[in-house]
Protein backbone atom coordinates (compact mmCIF):
# COMPACT_ATOMS: atom_id res chain seq x y z
CA UNK A 1 -3.01 -9.84 -7.52
CA UNK A 2 -0.46 -6.54 -6.84
CA UNK A 3 -2.60 -4.24 -4.79
CA UNK A 4 -1.20 -0.55 -4.61
CA UNK A 5 -2.67 2.35 -3.05
CA UNK A 6 -1.59 6.15 -3.75
CA UNK A 7 -1.94 9.32 -2.51
CA UNK A 8 -3.32 10.53 -6.14
CA UNK A 9 -4.22 14.55 -6.65
CA UNK A 10 -3.52 16.91 -4.09
CA UNK A 11 -0.90 15.00 -2.11
CA UNK A 12 2.09 15.53 -2.01
CA UNK A 13 4.42 12.47 -3.44
CA UNK A 14 0.80 11.55 -4.88
CA UNK A 15 1.97 8.89 -7.34
CA UNK A 16 3.88 6.88 -4.55
CA UNK A 17 2.33 3.83 -3.57
CA UNK A 18 1.45 4.58 0.42
CA UNK A 19 0.25 0.70 0.49
CA UNK A 20 2.11 -2.13 -1.39
CA UNK A 21 -0.12 -5.90 -1.02
CA UNK A 22 0.38 -8.82 -3.07
CA UNK A 23 -2.98 -11.07 -3.00
CA UNK A 24 -1.85 -14.87 -3.75
CA UNK A 25 -4.85 -16.91 -4.43
CA UNK A 26 -4.14 -20.47 -4.66
CA UNK A 27 -7.88 -22.90 -5.35
CA UNK A 28 -6.10 -25.80 -4.43
CA UNK A 29 -6.05 -25.70 -0.66
CA UNK A 30 -8.61 -22.53 -0.56
CA UNK A 31 -6.62 -19.83 0.46
CA UNK A 32 -6.28 -16.08 0.12
CA UNK A 33 -2.49 -14.74 1.43
CA UNK A 34 -2.15 -11.03 1.70
CA UNK A 35 1.57 -10.18 1.57
CA UNK A 36 2.56 -7.02 2.90
CA UNK A 37 5.56 -5.45 1.22
CA UNK A 38 6.98 -2.21 3.35
CA UNK A 39 7.19 0.73 1.41
CA UNK A 40 10.64 1.34 2.34
CA UNK A 41 12.34 -1.44 1.41
CA UNK A 42 15.37 -0.69 -1.14
CA UNK A 43 15.24 -2.40 -4.30
CA UNK A 44 17.06 -1.71 -8.13
CA UNK A 45 14.61 -0.39 -10.99
CA UNK A 46 15.35 -0.23 -14.02
CA UNK A 47 15.03 3.63 -14.62
CA UNK A 48 16.86 3.25 -18.16
CA UNK A 49 16.89 0.20 -20.50
CA UNK A 50 20.89 0.17 -19.98
CA UNK A 51 20.48 1.33 -16.33
CA UNK A 52 18.91 0.20 -12.77
CA UNK A 53 19.04 2.78 -9.55
CA UNK A 54 17.93 2.00 -6.56
CA UNK A 55 14.99 3.21 -4.70
CA UNK A 56 12.51 2.65 -1.99
CA UNK A 57 9.85 0.33 -4.00
CA UNK A 58 7.06 2.89 -3.43
CA UNK A 59 8.87 4.56 -6.12
CA UNK A 60 8.15 2.11 -8.64
CA UNK A 61 4.56 3.12 -9.18
CA UNK A 62 5.75 6.67 -9.86
CA UNK A 63 8.76 5.84 -11.77
CA UNK A 64 6.73 4.36 -14.38
CA UNK A 65 4.05 6.90 -14.25
CA UNK A 66 6.58 9.25 -14.95
CA UNK A 67 7.73 9.28 -18.47
CA UNK A 68 8.93 13.07 -18.83
CA UNK A 69 11.43 12.31 -16.03
CA UNK A 70 12.58 8.78 -17.01
CA UNK A 71 12.09 8.91 -21.01
CA UNK A 72 14.81 5.97 -21.30
CA UNK A 73 12.55 3.43 -19.50
CA UNK A 74 12.05 0.20 -21.23
CA UNK A 75 8.23 0.59 -23.58
CA UNK A 76 6.98 -1.66 -20.90
CA UNK A 77 7.62 0.72 -18.23
CA UNK A 78 5.84 3.53 -20.24
CA UNK A 79 2.49 4.61 -21.02
CA UNK A 80 -0.65 3.87 -19.16
CA UNK A 81 0.02 0.13 -17.79
CA UNK A 82 4.15 1.44 -16.83
CA UNK A 83 3.88 1.70 -13.27
CA UNK A 84 1.69 -1.63 -12.58
CA UNK A 85 4.37 -3.20 -15.02
CA UNK A 86 7.05 -1.70 -12.60
CA UNK A 87 5.26 -2.23 -9.68
CA UNK A 88 5.17 -6.14 -10.28
CA UNK A 89 9.02 -6.23 -11.57
CA UNK A 90 9.71 -4.51 -8.44
CA UNK A 91 7.52 -6.54 -6.00
CA UNK A 92 9.06 -9.81 -8.17
CA UNK A 93 12.36 -8.86 -6.84
CA UNK A 94 11.47 -8.96 -3.12
CA UNK A 95 8.91 -11.74 -3.22
CA UNK A 96 10.14 -14.14 -5.78
CA UNK A 97 6.21 -14.16 -7.27
CA UNK A 98 5.48 -12.08 -10.08
CA UNK A 99 1.77 -10.53 -10.42
CA UNK A 100 -0.50 -11.66 -12.80
CA UNK A 101 -2.24 -8.39 -12.50
CA UNK A 102 -2.24 -5.13 -10.91
CA UNK A 103 -4.82 -2.73 -9.52
CA UNK A 104 -3.70 0.51 -8.48
CA UNK A 105 -6.02 2.82 -6.30
CA UNK A 106 -5.91 6.61 -5.36
CA UNK A 107 -7.12 7.73 -1.63
CA UNK A 108 -10.38 9.04 -2.91
CA UNK A 109 -11.54 6.56 -4.96
CA UNK A 110 -10.62 3.93 -2.43
CA UNK A 111 -13.15 6.45 -0.07
CA UNK A 112 -15.67 5.97 -3.07
CA UNK A 113 -15.09 2.09 -3.27
CA UNK A 114 -15.53 1.57 0.24
CA UNK A 115 -18.72 3.33 0.64
CA UNK A 116 -20.23 1.73 -2.02
CA UNK A 117 -19.68 -1.47 -0.40
CA UNK A 118 -21.83 -0.07 3.10
CA UNK A 119 -18.71 0.02 4.54
CA UNK A 120 -16.65 -2.88 6.46
CA UNK A 121 -16.46 -4.84 9.62
CA UNK A 122 -12.89 -4.30 10.09
CA UNK A 123 -10.96 -6.18 13.10
CA UNK A 124 -8.66 -3.37 14.53
CA UNK A 125 -5.74 -5.74 15.27
CA UNK A 126 -4.40 -3.48 18.50
CA UNK A 127 -5.92 -0.36 20.20
CA UNK A 128 -4.00 2.63 19.23
CA UNK A 129 -3.91 6.77 19.13
CA UNK A 130 -3.13 8.93 16.52
CA UNK A 131 -2.84 11.91 17.64
CA UNK A 132 -1.19 13.90 14.43
CA UNK A 133 -3.26 12.51 11.45
CA UNK A 134 -3.29 15.63 8.92
CA UNK A 135 -6.50 17.27 8.29
CA UNK A 136 -6.92 17.65 4.61
CA UNK A 137 -6.61 21.57 3.07
CA UNK A 138 -4.81 22.52 7.03
CA UNK A 139 -1.66 21.49 5.55
CA UNK A 140 -0.36 25.00 5.26
CA UNK A 141 -1.89 26.44 8.12
CA UNK A 142 -0.02 29.13 10.94
CA UNK A 143 -2.05 27.79 13.86
CA UNK A 144 -1.67 31.77 14.83
CA UNK A 145 2.29 31.72 14.78
CA UNK A 146 3.80 35.16 12.81
CA UNK A 147 5.72 34.52 9.95
CA UNK A 148 9.19 35.01 12.58
CA UNK A 149 8.13 32.37 14.52
CA UNK A 150 7.51 30.39 11.57
CA UNK A 151 11.16 31.05 10.19
CA UNK A 152 12.44 30.10 13.55
CA UNK A 153 10.78 26.76 13.74
CA UNK A 154 12.06 25.98 10.45
CA UNK A 155 15.67 27.07 11.00
CA UNK A 156 15.70 25.14 14.40
CA UNK A 157 13.53 22.01 13.64
CA UNK A 158 12.56 19.65 10.77
CA UNK A 159 10.60 16.43 9.74
CA UNK A 160 8.14 15.60 11.81
CA UNK A 161 9.34 17.10 14.82
CA UNK A 162 8.72 20.69 12.99
CA UNK A 163 5.46 18.93 12.00
CA UNK A 164 4.33 18.66 15.96
CA UNK A 165 4.65 22.67 16.02
CA UNK A 166 1.55 22.95 14.47
CA UNK A 167 -1.56 21.13 15.84
CA UNK A 168 -4.44 22.62 14.36
CA UNK A 169 -3.27 20.31 11.14
CA UNK A 170 -3.96 17.28 12.49
CA UNK A 171 -6.73 15.83 14.31
CA UNK A 172 -6.66 12.97 16.92
CA UNK A 173 -7.23 9.17 16.04
CA UNK A 174 -8.43 6.46 18.38
CA UNK A 175 -8.56 2.97 17.46
CA UNK A 176 -10.00 -0.07 19.79
CA UNK A 177 -8.71 -3.76 19.03
CA UNK A 178 -11.54 -5.64 17.93
CA UNK A 179 -14.28 -5.48 15.36
CA UNK A 180 -15.35 -2.31 14.02
CA UNK A 181 -17.79 -0.92 11.20
CA UNK A 182 -15.89 1.82 8.81
CA UNK A 183 -17.22 3.72 6.24
CA UNK A 184 -14.67 4.32 3.20
CA UNK A 185 -13.11 7.80 5.19
CA UNK A 186 -12.57 5.89 8.46
CA UNK A 187 -10.83 2.81 6.79
CA UNK A 188 -8.57 5.55 4.86
CA UNK A 189 -7.55 7.35 8.33
CA UNK A 190 -7.19 3.64 9.35
CA UNK A 191 -5.28 2.92 6.96
CA UNK A 192 -2.71 5.77 6.95
CA UNK A 193 -1.82 6.15 10.14
CA UNK A 194 1.81 6.96 10.83
CA UNK A 195 1.88 8.72 14.31
CA UNK A 196 0.89 6.47 16.91
CA UNK A 197 3.69 6.09 19.62
CA UNK A 198 3.11 2.03 19.84
CA UNK A 199 1.37 1.18 16.03
CA UNK A 200 2.75 4.04 13.90
CA UNK A 201 5.38 1.90 11.84
CA UNK A 202 5.14 0.96 8.57
CA UNK A 203 5.03 -2.81 9.40
CA UNK A 204 1.71 -2.08 11.88
CA UNK A 205 0.56 -0.29 8.75
CA UNK A 206 0.99 -2.95 6.68
CA UNK A 207 -0.84 -5.24 9.24
CA UNK A 208 -3.43 -2.72 9.32
CA UNK A 209 -3.87 -2.97 5.71
CA UNK A 210 -4.08 -6.74 5.72
CA UNK A 211 -6.92 -6.10 7.81
CA UNK A 212 -8.96 -4.01 5.51
CA UNK A 213 -8.42 -6.31 2.53
CA UNK A 214 -9.57 -9.11 5.00
CA UNK A 215 -12.75 -7.37 5.62
CA UNK A 216 -13.08 -6.23 1.77
CA UNK A 217 -12.77 -9.93 0.83
CA UNK A 218 -15.56 -11.01 3.34
CA UNK A 219 -17.76 -7.68 2.69
CA UNK A 220 -17.45 -9.24 -1.50
CA UNK A 221 -18.25 -13.01 -0.17
CA UNK A 222 -21.06 -11.77 1.98
CA UNK A 223 -22.48 -9.92 -0.91
CA UNK A 224 -22.19 -12.59 -3.52
CA UNK A 225 -19.73 -10.91 -5.30
CA UNK A 226 -18.83 -13.77 -8.00
CA UNK A 227 -21.95 -13.98 -9.09
CA UNK A 228 -22.16 -10.26 -10.05
CA UNK A 229 -18.52 -9.86 -11.04
CA UNK A 230 -19.71 -8.01 -14.52
CA UNK A 231 -21.42 -5.58 -12.95
CA UNK A 232 -19.20 -5.21 -10.15
CA UNK A 233 -16.40 -4.42 -12.42
CA UNK A 234 -18.08 -2.27 -14.57
CA UNK A 235 -18.69 -0.11 -11.09
CA UNK A 236 -15.30 -0.09 -10.01
CA UNK A 237 -13.31 0.26 -13.37
CA UNK A 238 -14.02 4.06 -13.14
CA UNK A 239 -12.19 4.02 -9.64
CA UNK A 240 -8.90 1.68 -10.40
CA UNK A 241 -6.21 1.03 -13.05
CA UNK A 242 -5.73 -1.97 -13.61
CA UNK A 243 -4.69 -4.54 -16.43
CA UNK A 244 -7.11 -7.10 -15.43
CA UNK A 245 -9.45 -7.32 -18.36
CA UNK A 246 -13.36 -8.06 -17.54
CA UNK A 247 -12.76 -11.40 -19.39
CA UNK A 248 -9.87 -11.95 -17.27
CA UNK A 249 -12.10 -11.22 -14.29
CA UNK A 250 -14.64 -13.55 -14.97
CA UNK A 251 -12.33 -16.28 -15.86
CA UNK A 252 -10.39 -16.68 -12.62
CA UNK A 253 -13.60 -16.17 -10.43
CA UNK A 254 -14.87 -19.13 -12.49
CA UNK A 255 -11.86 -20.84 -10.82
CA UNK A 256 -11.93 -20.40 -7.42
CA UNK A 257 -15.00 -22.36 -6.51
CA UNK A 258 -17.01 -21.88 -3.16
CA UNK A 259 -15.08 -18.62 -1.93
CA UNK A 260 -17.06 -18.55 1.27
CA UNK A 261 -14.64 -21.96 2.28
CA UNK A 262 -11.69 -20.27 1.42
CA UNK A 263 -8.98 -19.54 4.58
CA UNK A 264 -7.36 -15.75 4.38
CA UNK A 265 -4.11 -15.70 5.83
CA UNK A 266 -1.31 -12.52 6.12
CA UNK A 267 2.55 -12.80 5.25
CA UNK A 268 4.79 -10.17 6.91
CA UNK A 269 8.30 -9.19 6.19
CA UNK A 270 9.75 -7.13 8.75
CA UNK A 271 12.91 -6.53 11.08
CA UNK A 272 11.58 -8.86 13.19
CA UNK A 273 12.51 -11.63 10.40
CA UNK A 274 14.41 -10.91 7.28
CA UNK A 275 14.55 -6.55 7.37
CA UNK A 276 17.14 -4.65 8.60
CA UNK A 277 17.03 -0.83 8.93
CA UNK A 278 19.62 1.12 7.19
CA UNK A 279 20.50 4.89 5.76
CA UNK A 280 21.03 5.99 2.07
CA UNK A 281 23.67 7.91 1.15
CA UNK A 282 21.47 10.84 1.24
CA UNK A 283 20.13 10.06 4.64
CA UNK A 284 16.57 8.29 3.69
CA UNK A 285 15.78 5.98 6.12
CA UNK A 286 15.32 2.81 4.28
CA UNK A 287 15.08 -1.58 4.65
CA UNK A 288 17.55 -4.25 3.17
CA UNK A 289 17.86 -7.44 3.57
CA UNK A 290 19.47 -8.83 6.63
CA UNK A 291 21.26 -10.96 4.04
CA UNK A 292 22.67 -7.68 2.30
CA UNK A 293 21.67 -4.94 0.30
CA UNK A 294 19.85 -6.59 -2.57
CA UNK A 295 19.94 -9.92 -1.39
CA UNK A 296 16.14 -11.02 -1.21
CA UNK A 297 17.32 -14.87 -1.28
CA UNK A 298 15.99 -16.42 1.72
CA UNK A 299 12.73 -13.40 1.89
CA UNK A 300 11.95 -15.69 -1.61
CA UNK A 301 12.73 -18.89 0.34
CA UNK A 302 10.27 -17.62 3.40
CA UNK A 303 7.20 -16.68 1.37
CA UNK A 304 7.52 -20.05 -0.62
CA UNK A 305 7.37 -21.93 2.32
CA UNK A 306 4.73 -19.98 3.84
CA UNK A 307 2.55 -20.73 0.55
CA UNK A 308 3.79 -24.68 0.82
CA UNK A 309 5.13 -24.02 -3.13
C-alpha cells in the first residue's frame, strides 16, 4: 500500500507529497515493512503519453492530479485516481515493487484521523529541537519590519536565510527520545518538522513518519480494528483518497491472520547506502542513485533482499 501525505488546501504546493511510504505486508512471515521514500528522489515521470520528464518524486501526486497543466497524460494518470496511479508508477520505478493500492491524506484529515483514534503512542527515535516550525496563518506577518526593511532583506537573502529573519512566523518544537502520546496536531508537527539542526533532513523525517505508522498499526491492533473493518472504513473514507474498496479491505484483512503477531520493520534508502545528493539544471536540490541517474537497480535488489524475495 502506497501512503502519501500532502498539504491540501491552504498550503503552498498543497498536492506535493510531503510524506511517501510504501507499506509492504507479508502474511507468511507475519511481517510489515515500512519503506520510506525520500521526496527529493529524481525520477522520470510520464507527463505525456509520448514524453517523460524528470521531476522530484513528490511531484508525482501533484502532476497526476493536474489535468489542466498536463492534459496529454495517459488516461490512467488522469481523473480522480490520476495522482495515486502516477504515485504508484513513480514508486515502482524507484523500489521495483508495484503497489496494489494507494492512500492519500492531507494534513487536516491526518490530524482528524489521529484524534478519532484517541491519539498515538509514538516512539520518538531521537531527541531534537526545531526553532522554525511555521505557524499556520502567520506566513505573511511582517514581525514589526517596515516595507523598506523587508525589501532590503528580500534583495540580499533567499530561502531559509530569508525565512529566519521573520521569527514571529514560527514556533519552537521540542521532542524527547522515547515513547510519547501525541494528538493529531502534535503528530503532524512531529512528521513535518524540517529545521532541526540535528534531525531536520529528509531521511530523519522518513524515520519519524515510520514511527508514526508503527504507532498507528499498534493502535489499530489494540482496538481490534480488523473485527470492525467495515465501520472503520466508512468512518475514514471521508478523510482519504484511495483505490481500496470496502470489499478489498475486507478481503485483504481476512488474509492477514492474527495481526498482533506481526513484526514491524523499517527499510530506509538514504545517502548512507544507495543515494547521493545532486543539483538539477535549475538548481534544485535532489537525490539520485549512486549507481547513476535513473539507475535504480541496486535499490531494487536491496529492497528485495530486505523483504527476503
